[in-house]
C-alpha atoms as a PDB file:
ATOM      1  CA  UNK A   1     226.639  85.575 183.915  1.00  0.00           C
ATOM      2  CA  UNK A   2     225.208  82.737 185.960  1.00  0.00           C
ATOM      3  CA  UNK A   3     225.231  79.049 185.153  1.00  0.00           C
ATOM      4  CA  UNK A   4     221.839  77.947 183.883  1.00  0.00           C
ATOM      5  CA  UNK A   5     222.196  74.170 183.972  1.00  0.00           C
ATOM      6  CA  UNK A   6     219.335  73.714 186.383  1.00  0.00           C
ATOM      7  CA  UNK A   7     217.876  70.235 186.669  1.00  0.00           C
ATOM      8  CA  UNK A   8     215.382  68.984 189.250  1.00  0.00           C
ATOM      9  CA  UNK A   9     217.873  66.275 190.273  1.00  0.00           C
ATOM     10  CA  UNK A  10     220.664  68.797 190.830  1.00  0.00           C
ATOM     11  CA  UNK A  11     218.320  71.075 192.779  1.00  0.00           C
ATOM     12  CA  UNK A  12     217.245  68.132 194.962  1.00  0.00           C
ATOM     13  CA  UNK A  13     220.877  67.150 195.621  1.00  0.00           C
ATOM     14  CA  UNK A  14     221.731  70.707 196.657  1.00  0.00           C
ATOM     15  CA  UNK A  15     218.705  70.967 198.929  1.00  0.00           C
ATOM     16  CA  UNK A  16     219.490  67.599 200.530  1.00  0.00           C
ATOM     17  CA  UNK A  17     223.018  68.643 201.432  1.00  0.00           C
ATOM     18  CA  UNK A  18     221.907  72.051 202.700  1.00  0.00           C
ATOM     19  CA  UNK A  19     219.177  70.429 204.809  1.00  0.00           C
ATOM     20  CA  UNK A  20     221.845  68.200 206.372  1.00  0.00           C
ATOM     21  CA  UNK A  21     223.703  71.256 207.634  1.00  0.00           C
ATOM     22  CA  UNK A  22     226.197  72.030 204.877  1.00  0.00           C
ATOM     23  CA  UNK A  23     226.571  75.685 203.902  1.00  0.00           C
ATOM     24  CA  UNK A  24     225.577  76.400 200.301  1.00  0.00           C
ATOM     25  CA  UNK A  25     229.044  77.821 199.637  1.00  0.00           C
ATOM     26  CA  UNK A  26     230.636  74.500 200.590  1.00  0.00           C
ATOM     27  CA  UNK A  27     228.167  72.496 198.495  1.00  0.00           C
ATOM     28  CA  UNK A  28     228.853  74.638 195.438  1.00  0.00           C
ATOM     29  CA  UNK A  29     232.629  74.220 195.715  1.00  0.00           C
ATOM     30  CA  UNK A  30     232.367  70.531 194.825  1.00  0.00           C
ATOM     31  CA  UNK A  31     233.062  69.468 191.281  1.00  0.00           C
ATOM     32  CA  UNK A  32     229.951  69.176 189.174  1.00  0.00           C
ATOM     33  CA  UNK A  33     228.043  71.720 191.251  1.00  0.00           C
ATOM     34  CA  UNK A  34     226.953  75.083 189.870  1.00  0.00           C
ATOM     35  CA  UNK A  35     228.319  78.333 191.285  1.00  0.00           C
ATOM     36  CA  UNK A  36     226.705  79.611 194.460  1.00  0.00           C
ATOM     37  CA  UNK A  37     225.405  82.666 192.608  1.00  0.00           C
ATOM     38  CA  UNK A  38     223.529  80.421 190.169  1.00  0.00           C
ATOM     39  CA  UNK A  39     221.793  78.517 192.949  1.00  0.00           C
ATOM     40  CA  UNK A  40     220.769  81.753 194.640  1.00  0.00           C
ATOM     41  CA  UNK A  41     219.454  83.024 191.302  1.00  0.00           C
ATOM     42  CA  UNK A  42     217.404  79.843 190.899  1.00  0.00           C
ATOM     43  CA  UNK A  43     215.829  80.603 194.279  1.00  0.00           C
ATOM     44  CA  UNK A  44     215.184  84.261 193.388  1.00  0.00           C
ATOM     45  CA  UNK A  45     213.653  83.276 190.045  1.00  0.00           C
ATOM     46  CA  UNK A  46     211.771  80.390 191.681  1.00  0.00           C
ATOM     47  CA  UNK A  47     212.887  78.149 188.864  1.00  0.00           C
ATOM     48  CA  UNK A  48     210.546  75.127 188.796  1.00  0.00           C
ATOM     49  CA  UNK A  49     209.463  75.816 192.388  1.00  0.00           C
ATOM     50  CA  UNK A  50     213.050  75.846 193.688  1.00  0.00           C
ATOM     51  CA  UNK A  51     212.447  78.797 196.044  1.00  0.00           C
ATOM     52  CA  UNK A  52     210.147  76.774 198.316  1.00  0.00           C
ATOM     53  CA  UNK A  53     212.430  73.724 198.197  1.00  0.00           C
ATOM     54  CA  UNK A  54     215.452  75.829 199.087  1.00  0.00           C
ATOM     55  CA  UNK A  55     213.603  77.662 201.887  1.00  0.00           C
ATOM     56  CA  UNK A  56     212.527  74.324 203.387  1.00  0.00           C
ATOM     57  CA  UNK A  57     216.109  73.041 203.143  1.00  0.00           C
ATOM     58  CA  UNK A  58     217.359  76.158 204.933  1.00  0.00           C
ATOM     59  CA  UNK A  59     214.888  75.640 207.784  1.00  0.00           C
ATOM     60  CA  UNK A  60     216.007  72.010 208.116  1.00  0.00           C
ATOM     61  CA  UNK A  61     219.603  73.259 208.055  1.00  0.00           C
ATOM     62  CA  UNK A  62     218.858  75.406 211.098  1.00  0.00           C
ATOM     63  CA  UNK A  63     217.395  72.355 212.869  1.00  0.00           C
ATOM     64  CA  UNK A  64     220.535  70.443 211.946  1.00  0.00           C
ATOM     65  CA  UNK A  65     222.609  73.168 213.598  1.00  0.00           C
ATOM     66  CA  UNK A  66     220.593  72.654 216.789  1.00  0.00           C
ATOM     67  CA  UNK A  67     221.735  69.025 216.748  1.00  0.00           C
ATOM     68  CA  UNK A  68     225.277  70.209 216.061  1.00  0.00           C
ATOM     69  CA  UNK A  69     225.195  72.287 219.239  1.00  0.00           C
ATOM     70  CA  UNK A  70     224.390  69.174 221.276  1.00  0.00           C
ATOM     71  CA  UNK A  71     227.153  67.196 219.576  1.00  0.00           C
ATOM     72  CA  UNK A  72     229.676  70.006 220.052  1.00  0.00           C
ATOM     73  CA  UNK A  73     228.778  70.359 223.713  1.00  0.00           C
ATOM     74  CA  UNK A  74     229.415  66.650 224.276  1.00  0.00           C
ATOM     75  CA  UNK A  75     232.806  66.553 222.549  1.00  0.00           C
ATOM     76  CA  UNK A  76     235.720  65.712 224.799  1.00  0.00           C
ATOM     77  CA  UNK A  77     238.411  66.844 222.354  1.00  0.00           C
ATOM     78  CA  UNK A  78     237.515  70.558 222.598  1.00  0.00           C
ATOM     79  CA  UNK A  79     238.390  73.063 225.270  1.00  0.00           C
ATOM     80  CA  UNK A  80     235.363  74.584 227.054  1.00  0.00           C
ATOM     81  CA  UNK A  81     236.062  77.984 225.467  1.00  0.00           C
ATOM     82  CA  UNK A  82     236.120  76.448 221.974  1.00  0.00           C
ATOM     83  CA  UNK A  83     232.833  74.656 222.640  1.00  0.00           C
ATOM     84  CA  UNK A  84     231.228  77.861 223.868  1.00  0.00           C
ATOM     85  CA  UNK A  85     232.381  79.908 220.856  1.00  0.00           C
ATOM     86  CA  UNK A  86     231.213  77.288 218.354  1.00  0.00           C
ATOM     87  CA  UNK A  87     227.860  76.842 220.076  1.00  0.00           C
ATOM     88  CA  UNK A  88     227.317  80.582 220.531  1.00  0.00           C
ATOM     89  CA  UNK A  89     227.991  81.208 216.836  1.00  0.00           C
ATOM     90  CA  UNK A  90     225.417  78.628 215.820  1.00  0.00           C
ATOM     91  CA  UNK A  91     222.882  79.845 218.396  1.00  0.00           C
ATOM     92  CA  UNK A  92     223.261  83.433 217.195  1.00  0.00           C
ATOM     93  CA  UNK A  93     222.813  82.444 213.569  1.00  0.00           C
ATOM     94  CA  UNK A  94     219.811  80.254 214.401  1.00  0.00           C
ATOM     95  CA  UNK A  95     218.188  83.099 216.353  1.00  0.00           C
ATOM     96  CA  UNK A  96     218.475  85.355 213.311  1.00  0.00           C
ATOM     97  CA  UNK A  97     217.338  82.840 210.693  1.00  0.00           C
ATOM     98  CA  UNK A  98     214.511  81.329 212.759  1.00  0.00           C
ATOM     99  CA  UNK A  99     213.725  83.879 215.492  1.00  0.00           C
ATOM    100  CA  UNK A 100     210.284  82.502 216.317  1.00  0.00           C
ATOM    101  CA  UNK A 101     211.761  79.122 217.091  1.00  0.00           C
ATOM    102  CA  UNK A 102     215.269  79.860 218.346  1.00  0.00           C
ATOM    103  CA  UNK A 103     215.302  83.553 219.234  1.00  0.00           C
ATOM    104  CA  UNK A 104     215.068  85.120 222.639  1.00  0.00           C
ATOM    105  CA  UNK A 105     211.704  86.620 221.957  1.00  0.00           C
ATOM    106  CA  UNK A 106     210.191  89.327 224.087  1.00  0.00           C
ATOM    107  CA  UNK A 107     206.512  90.098 223.888  1.00  0.00           C
ATOM    108  CA  UNK A 108     206.158  93.628 222.625  1.00  0.00           C
ATOM    109  CA  UNK A 109     202.975  95.666 222.623  1.00  0.00           C
ATOM    110  CA  UNK A 110     201.488  95.775 219.188  1.00  0.00           C
ATOM    111  CA  UNK A 111     202.910  92.411 218.149  1.00  0.00           C
ATOM    112  CA  UNK A 112     200.572  91.321 215.359  1.00  0.00           C
ATOM    113  CA  UNK A 113     200.706  87.654 216.390  1.00  0.00           C
ATOM    114  CA  UNK A 114     200.155  88.296 220.107  1.00  0.00           C
ATOM    115  CA  UNK A 115     198.131  91.485 220.461  1.00  0.00           C
ATOM    116  CA  UNK A 116     197.458  92.808 223.913  1.00  0.00           C
ATOM    117  CA  UNK A 117     193.817  92.343 224.794  1.00  0.00           C
ATOM    118  CA  UNK A 118     192.012  94.600 227.210  1.00  0.00           C
ATOM    119  CA  UNK A 119     188.996  93.048 228.829  1.00  0.00           C
ATOM    120  CA  UNK A 120     186.414  95.273 230.447  1.00  0.00           C
ATOM    121  CA  UNK A 121     183.683  93.898 232.607  1.00  0.00           C
ATOM    122  CA  UNK A 122     180.948  95.910 234.213  1.00  0.00           C
ATOM    123  CA  UNK A 123     180.442  95.126 237.847  1.00  0.00           C
ATOM    124  CA  UNK A 124     177.320  95.927 239.730  1.00  0.00           C
ATOM    125  CA  UNK A 125     177.665  96.673 243.428  1.00  0.00           C
ATOM    126  CA  UNK A 126     174.106  95.487 244.010  1.00  0.00           C
ATOM    127  CA  UNK A 127     175.185  91.878 243.530  1.00  0.00           C
ATOM    128  CA  UNK A 128     177.870  91.975 246.243  1.00  0.00           C
ATOM    129  CA  UNK A 129     177.402  90.607 249.744  1.00  0.00           C
ATOM    130  CA  UNK A 130     177.873  92.770 252.837  1.00  0.00           C
ATOM    131  CA  UNK A 131     181.273  91.127 253.462  1.00  0.00           C
ATOM    132  CA  UNK A 132     182.377  91.811 249.884  1.00  0.00           C
ATOM    133  CA  UNK A 133     181.244  95.449 250.129  1.00  0.00           C
ATOM    134  CA  UNK A 134     183.150  95.854 253.407  1.00  0.00           C
ATOM    135  CA  UNK A 135     186.301  94.362 251.830  1.00  0.00           C
ATOM    136  CA  UNK A 136     185.953  96.698 248.854  1.00  0.00           C
ATOM    137  CA  UNK A 137     185.529  99.664 251.186  1.00  0.00           C
ATOM    138  CA  UNK A 138     188.674  98.709 253.170  1.00  0.00           C
ATOM    139  CA  UNK A 139     190.612  98.306 249.900  1.00  0.00           C
ATOM    140  CA  UNK A 140     189.570 101.702 248.515  1.00  0.00           C
ATOM    141  CA  UNK A 141     190.281 103.393 251.871  1.00  0.00           C
ATOM    142  CA  UNK A 142     193.796 101.871 251.859  1.00  0.00           C
ATOM    143  CA  UNK A 143     194.383 103.246 248.345  1.00  0.00           C
ATOM    144  CA  UNK A 144     193.202 106.693 249.382  1.00  0.00           C
ATOM    145  CA  UNK A 145     195.411 106.543 252.470  1.00  0.00           C
ATOM    146  CA  UNK A 146     198.439 105.498 250.430  1.00  0.00           C
ATOM    147  CA  UNK A 147     197.890 108.385 248.020  1.00  0.00           C
ATOM    148  CA  UNK A 148     197.612 110.942 250.782  1.00  0.00           C
ATOM    149  CA  UNK A 149     200.489 109.644 252.894  1.00  0.00           C
END
């Protein structure tokens, strides 16, 4: 059974700490905090609008991790391998939680947000100059020659 002692103040305190980069598990280990499962249930149930607050805190948490990467990269007390592992872990997690912002995104055909557009324009040969017609003829002859050779 989950803890049901939700209060708006407690929810705000949890969201503040999460938005500053702390994992929810760490926040919930502190005395006076509800169990992690309770907080997740509050988000699932959208108790008093908590789902949107928590989602916003999670997005700010990801931004906080971006700052953490910069700070980790500038630390002099870590070996280069340690820096790379820490930064790569955060980058990987960020790319999964916020792929549009931090992922290595490839444009794929059929992407709903960036559909491929085919533009067709009708061209009339009657509007071309003699030089343009000659250039077009040379171009088409070179294509025919390339196909045959």
